C-alpha atoms as a PDB file:
ATOM      1  CA  MET A   1      72.511 -73.301 -92.476  1.00  0.00           C
ATOM      2  CA  ARG A   2      69.331 -72.145 -90.760  1.00  0.00           C
ATOM      3  CA  ARG A   3      68.722 -75.638 -89.337  1.00  0.00           C
ATOM      4  CA  ILE A   4      72.234 -75.722 -87.897  1.00  0.00           C
ATOM      5  CA  MET A   5      71.666 -72.338 -86.247  1.00  0.00           C
ATOM      6  CA  ILE A   6      68.336 -73.455 -84.759  1.00  0.00           C
ATOM      7  CA  ALA A   7      69.912 -76.698 -83.521  1.00  0.00           C
ATOM      8  CA  ALA A   8      72.786 -74.763 -81.917  1.00  0.00           C
ATOM      9  CA  ILE A   9      70.360 -72.407 -80.167  1.00  0.00           C
ATOM     10  CA  ALA A  10      68.299 -75.354 -78.917  1.00  0.00           C
ATOM     11  CA  LEU A  11      71.445 -77.056 -77.612  1.00  0.00           C
ATOM     12  CA  VAL A  12      72.564 -73.941 -75.738  1.00  0.00           C
ATOM     13  CA  ALA A  13      69.082 -73.492 -74.250  1.00  0.00           C
ATOM     14  CA  THR A  14      69.075 -77.114 -73.102  1.00  0.00           C
ATOM     15  CA  ILE A  15      72.503 -76.757 -71.476  1.00  0.00           C
ATOM     16  CA  PHE A  16      71.409 -73.664 -69.558  1.00  0.00           C
ATOM     17  CA  SER A  17      68.155 -75.246 -68.423  1.00  0.00           C
ATOM     18  CA  VAL A  18      69.985 -78.355 -67.172  1.00  0.00           C
ATOM     19  CA  SER A  19      72.640 -76.325 -65.356  1.00  0.00           C
ATOM     20  CA  ALA A  20      69.992 -74.205 -63.631  1.00  0.00           C
ATOM     21  CA  ASP A  21      68.621 -77.157 -61.643  1.00  0.00           C
ATOM     22  CA  ASP A  22      68.618 -75.414 -58.265  1.00  0.00           C
ATOM     23  CA  ARG A  23      66.425 -77.333 -55.839  1.00  0.00           C
ATOM     24  CA  HIS A  24      65.808 -77.403 -52.101  1.00  0.00           C
ATOM     25  CA  ILE A  25      67.154 -80.346 -50.138  1.00  0.00           C
ATOM     26  CA  ALA A  26      67.026 -81.494 -46.522  1.00  0.00           C
ATOM     27  CA  ALA A  27      70.076 -80.677 -44.401  1.00  0.00           C
ATOM     28  CA  ASP A  28      70.902 -84.375 -44.067  1.00  0.00           C
ATOM     29  CA  GLN A  29      71.319 -84.547 -47.865  1.00  0.00           C
ATOM     30  CA  LEU A  30      74.382 -82.292 -47.746  1.00  0.00           C
ATOM     31  CA  PRO A  31      77.763 -83.991 -48.310  1.00  0.00           C
ATOM     32  CA  ASP A  32      79.274 -85.376 -45.103  1.00  0.00           C
ATOM     33  CA  ALA A  33      82.169 -82.906 -45.255  1.00  0.00           C
ATOM     34  CA  ALA A  34      79.715 -79.983 -45.364  1.00  0.00           C
ATOM     35  CA  LYS A  35      77.707 -81.328 -42.420  1.00  0.00           C
ATOM     36  CA  THR A  36      80.913 -81.828 -40.408  1.00  0.00           C
ATOM     37  CA  PHE A  37      82.110 -78.309 -41.260  1.00  0.00           C
ATOM     38  CA  ILE A  38      78.826 -76.730 -40.154  1.00  0.00           C
ATOM     39  CA  ALA A  39      78.765 -78.770 -36.944  1.00  0.00           C
ATOM     40  CA  LYS A  40      82.336 -77.737 -36.123  1.00  0.00           C
ATOM     41  CA  TYR A  41      82.250 -74.004 -36.912  1.00  0.00           C
ATOM     42  CA  PHE A  42      78.555 -73.107 -36.677  1.00  0.00           C
ATOM     43  CA  ALA A  43      77.296 -75.499 -34.009  1.00  0.00           C
ATOM     44  CA  SER A  44      74.973 -72.928 -32.448  1.00  0.00           C
ATOM     45  CA  GLN A  45      73.246 -72.185 -35.767  1.00  0.00           C
ATOM     46  CA  LYS A  46      70.456 -74.190 -37.331  1.00  0.00           C
ATOM     47  CA  ILE A  47      70.227 -74.655 -41.080  1.00  0.00           C
ATOM     48  CA  THR A  48      67.151 -72.799 -42.291  1.00  0.00           C
ATOM     49  CA  TYR A  49      67.420 -74.110 -45.847  1.00  0.00           C
ATOM     50  CA  ALA A  50      69.786 -75.825 -48.224  1.00  0.00           C
ATOM     51  CA  THR A  51      69.827 -76.092 -51.995  1.00  0.00           C
ATOM     52  CA  VAL A  52      71.787 -78.069 -54.526  1.00  0.00           C
ATOM     53  CA  ASP A  53      72.620 -76.792 -57.983  1.00  0.00           C
ATOM     54  CA  ARG A  54      73.475 -79.778 -60.127  1.00  0.00           C
ATOM     55  CA  GLY A  55      75.519 -78.573 -63.045  1.00  0.00           C
ATOM     56  CA  ILE A  56      76.662 -80.522 -66.057  1.00  0.00           C
ATOM     57  CA  ILE A  57      80.119 -81.165 -64.595  1.00  0.00           C
ATOM     58  CA  ASP A  58      79.678 -80.754 -60.852  1.00  0.00           C
ATOM     59  CA  SER A  59      77.308 -79.683 -58.104  1.00  0.00           C
ATOM     60  CA  GLU A  60      77.248 -76.807 -55.631  1.00  0.00           C
ATOM     61  CA  TYR A  61      75.439 -76.689 -52.321  1.00  0.00           C
ATOM     62  CA  ASN A  62      74.152 -73.477 -50.754  1.00  0.00           C
ATOM     63  CA  VAL A  63      73.222 -73.293 -47.089  1.00  0.00           C
ATOM     64  CA  ARG A  64      71.512 -70.514 -45.160  1.00  0.00           C
ATOM     65  CA  LEU A  65      71.831 -70.455 -41.369  1.00  0.00           C
ATOM     66  CA  GLU A  66      69.283 -69.012 -38.958  1.00  0.00           C
ATOM     67  CA  ASP A  67      71.411 -65.886 -38.345  1.00  0.00           C
ATOM     68  CA  GLY A  68      71.357 -65.128 -42.095  1.00  0.00           C
ATOM     69  CA  SER A  69      74.848 -66.434 -42.812  1.00  0.00           C
ATOM     70  CA  LYS A  70      75.401 -68.120 -46.163  1.00  0.00           C
ATOM     71  CA  ILE A  71      77.831 -70.928 -46.937  1.00  0.00           C
ATOM     72  CA  GLU A  72      78.554 -72.321 -50.381  1.00  0.00           C
ATOM     73  CA  PHE A  73      80.112 -75.771 -50.802  1.00  0.00           C
ATOM     74  CA  ASP A  74      81.435 -77.624 -53.822  1.00  0.00           C
ATOM     75  CA  GLY A  75      80.143 -81.069 -54.756  1.00  0.00           C
ATOM     76  CA  ASP A  76      82.522 -82.746 -52.299  1.00  0.00           C
ATOM     77  CA  GLY A  77      81.404 -80.566 -49.395  1.00  0.00           C
ATOM     78  CA  ARG A  78      84.454 -78.265 -49.292  1.00  0.00           C
ATOM     79  CA  TRP A  79      83.502 -74.701 -48.479  1.00  0.00           C
ATOM     80  CA  MET A  80      83.960 -72.168 -51.267  1.00  0.00           C
ATOM     81  CA  GLU A  81      82.340 -69.076 -49.766  1.00  0.00           C
ATOM     82  CA  ILE A  82      81.195 -67.990 -46.323  1.00  0.00           C
ATOM     83  CA  GLU A  83      79.294 -64.767 -45.759  1.00  0.00           C
ATOM     84  CA  ARG A  84      78.291 -63.821 -42.226  1.00  0.00           C
ATOM     85  CA  ARG A  85      75.510 -61.484 -41.124  1.00  0.00           C
ATOM     86  CA  GLY A  86      76.359 -59.516 -38.019  1.00  0.00           C
ATOM     87  CA  ALA A  87      79.262 -61.740 -37.026  1.00  0.00           C
ATOM     88  CA  ALA A  88      82.824 -62.549 -38.016  1.00  0.00           C
ATOM     89  CA  VAL A  89      83.904 -65.557 -40.031  1.00  0.00           C
ATOM     90  CA  PRO A  90      85.277 -68.036 -37.460  1.00  0.00           C
ATOM     91  CA  ALA A  91      88.995 -67.337 -37.074  1.00  0.00           C
ATOM     92  CA  PRO A  92      90.241 -70.935 -37.598  1.00  0.00           C
ATOM     93  CA  ILE A  93      88.765 -70.914 -41.119  1.00  0.00           C
ATOM     94  CA  ILE A  94      90.953 -68.002 -42.255  1.00  0.00           C
ATOM     95  CA  PRO A  95      94.432 -69.120 -43.401  1.00  0.00           C
ATOM     96  CA  ALA A  96      97.037 -67.998 -40.838  1.00  0.00           C
ATOM     97  CA  PRO A  97      99.052 -65.723 -43.191  1.00  0.00           C
ATOM     98  CA  LEU A  98      95.860 -63.899 -44.218  1.00  0.00           C
ATOM     99  CA  ALA A  99      94.651 -63.550 -40.630  1.00  0.00           C
ATOM    100  CA  SER A 100      98.063 -62.172 -39.675  1.00  0.00           C
ATOM    101  CA  TYR A 101      97.932 -59.629 -42.522  1.00  0.00           C
ATOM    102  CA  VAL A 102      94.492 -58.457 -41.411  1.00  0.00           C
ATOM    103  CA  ARG A 103      95.557 -58.169 -37.742  1.00  0.00           C
ATOM    104  CA  GLU A 104      98.646 -56.134 -38.660  1.00  0.00           C
ATOM    105  CA  ASN A 105      97.079 -53.821 -41.250  1.00  0.00           C
ATOM    106  CA  TYR A 106      93.419 -53.598 -40.193  1.00  0.00           C
ATOM    107  CA  PRO A 107      93.396 -54.192 -36.428  1.00  0.00           C
ATOM    108  CA  ASP A 108      89.845 -52.853 -35.987  1.00  0.00           C
ATOM    109  CA  ALA A 109      88.370 -54.805 -38.892  1.00  0.00           C
ATOM    110  CA  VAL A 110      86.323 -57.983 -38.838  1.00  0.00           C
ATOM    111  CA  VAL A 111      86.327 -60.569 -41.634  1.00  0.00           C
ATOM    112  CA  VAL A 112      82.667 -60.923 -42.662  1.00  0.00           C
ATOM    113  CA  LYS A 113      83.180 -62.867 -45.896  1.00  0.00           C
ATOM    114  CA  ILE A 114      85.744 -65.276 -47.283  1.00  0.00           C
ATOM    115  CA  GLU A 115      85.726 -66.742 -50.768  1.00  0.00           C
ATOM    116  CA  ARG A 116      88.226 -69.144 -52.269  1.00  0.00           C
ATOM    117  CA  ASP A 117      88.948 -70.943 -55.479  1.00  0.00           C
ATOM    118  CA  ARG A 118      91.971 -72.847 -56.765  1.00  0.00           C
ATOM    119  CA  ASN A 119      94.015 -69.711 -57.432  1.00  0.00           C
ATOM    120  CA  SER A 120      93.014 -67.118 -54.860  1.00  0.00           C
ATOM    121  CA  THR A 121      91.263 -66.201 -51.633  1.00  0.00           C
ATOM    122  CA  GLU A 122      89.229 -63.043 -51.120  1.00  0.00           C
ATOM    123  CA  LEU A 123      88.409 -61.533 -47.765  1.00  0.00           C
ATOM    124  CA  THR A 124      85.780 -58.878 -47.162  1.00  0.00           C
ATOM    125  CA  LEU A 125      86.465 -56.851 -44.042  1.00  0.00           C
ATOM    126  CA  LEU A 126      84.120 -54.597 -42.153  1.00  0.00           C
ATOM    127  CA  ASN A 127      86.057 -51.723 -40.649  1.00  0.00           C
ATOM    128  CA  GLN A 128      83.399 -49.876 -38.632  1.00  0.00           C
ATOM    129  CA  THR A 129      80.996 -48.987 -41.464  1.00  0.00           C
ATOM    130  CA  LYS A 130      83.331 -49.448 -44.443  1.00  0.00           C
ATOM    131  CA  HIS A 131      83.821 -52.665 -46.436  1.00  0.00           C
ATOM    132  CA  ILE A 132      87.316 -53.481 -47.684  1.00  0.00           C
ATOM    133  CA  GLU A 133      88.057 -56.352 -50.054  1.00  0.00           C
ATOM    134  CA  LEU A 134      91.458 -58.029 -50.060  1.00  0.00           C
ATOM    135  CA  LYS A 135      92.504 -60.566 -52.674  1.00  0.00           C
ATOM    136  CA  PHE A 136      95.387 -62.979 -52.135  1.00  0.00           C
ATOM    137  CA  ASP A 137      96.966 -65.354 -54.644  1.00  0.00           C
ATOM    138  CA  GLY A 138      97.559 -69.081 -54.104  1.00  0.00           C
ATOM    139  CA  GLN A 139     100.763 -68.328 -52.171  1.00  0.00           C
ATOM    140  CA  ASN A 140      98.878 -65.993 -49.786  1.00  0.00           C
ATOM    141  CA  ARG A 141     100.413 -62.861 -51.308  1.00  0.00           C
ATOM    142  CA  LEU A 142      98.210 -59.775 -51.442  1.00  0.00           C
ATOM    143  CA  ILE A 143      97.391 -58.976 -55.079  1.00  0.00           C
ATOM    144  CA  ASP A 144      94.494 -56.499 -54.829  1.00  0.00           C
ATOM    145  CA  ILE A 145      92.780 -54.130 -52.408  1.00  0.00           C
ATOM    146  CA  ASP A 146      89.356 -52.653 -53.084  1.00  0.00           C
ATOM    147  CA  ASP A 147      88.256 -50.134 -50.468  1.00  0.00           C
END
């Protein structure tokens, strides 16, 4: 029994050490879709560093731009999270129904972060000095507000 427990602990430790393979890469090593996305929406910003986290199942890429903005991409180069520093997330990135909701309900706010997964999209707004988080489901319906 003790040997099984030790083997299980060793296996778990190995899995975590393999999944924590976060290493720096050159910008040209990013997936093509990520490079195209950055060139289209952040053309004036240089990439200051990029990392890849190779997990057991898939990879994630993290990019930092010279203005401090952070972008996270999945293994195929699709953006998953964008966090801006001192600027708004480019408007064309925000799904139209969500942008419309923000314009109607928070006209003075700026979207400074957007995060998406298969089932939801979260927006972080900056309304003067206050952050507001909005969560929308896969059909772009508001499901949570955290202010």
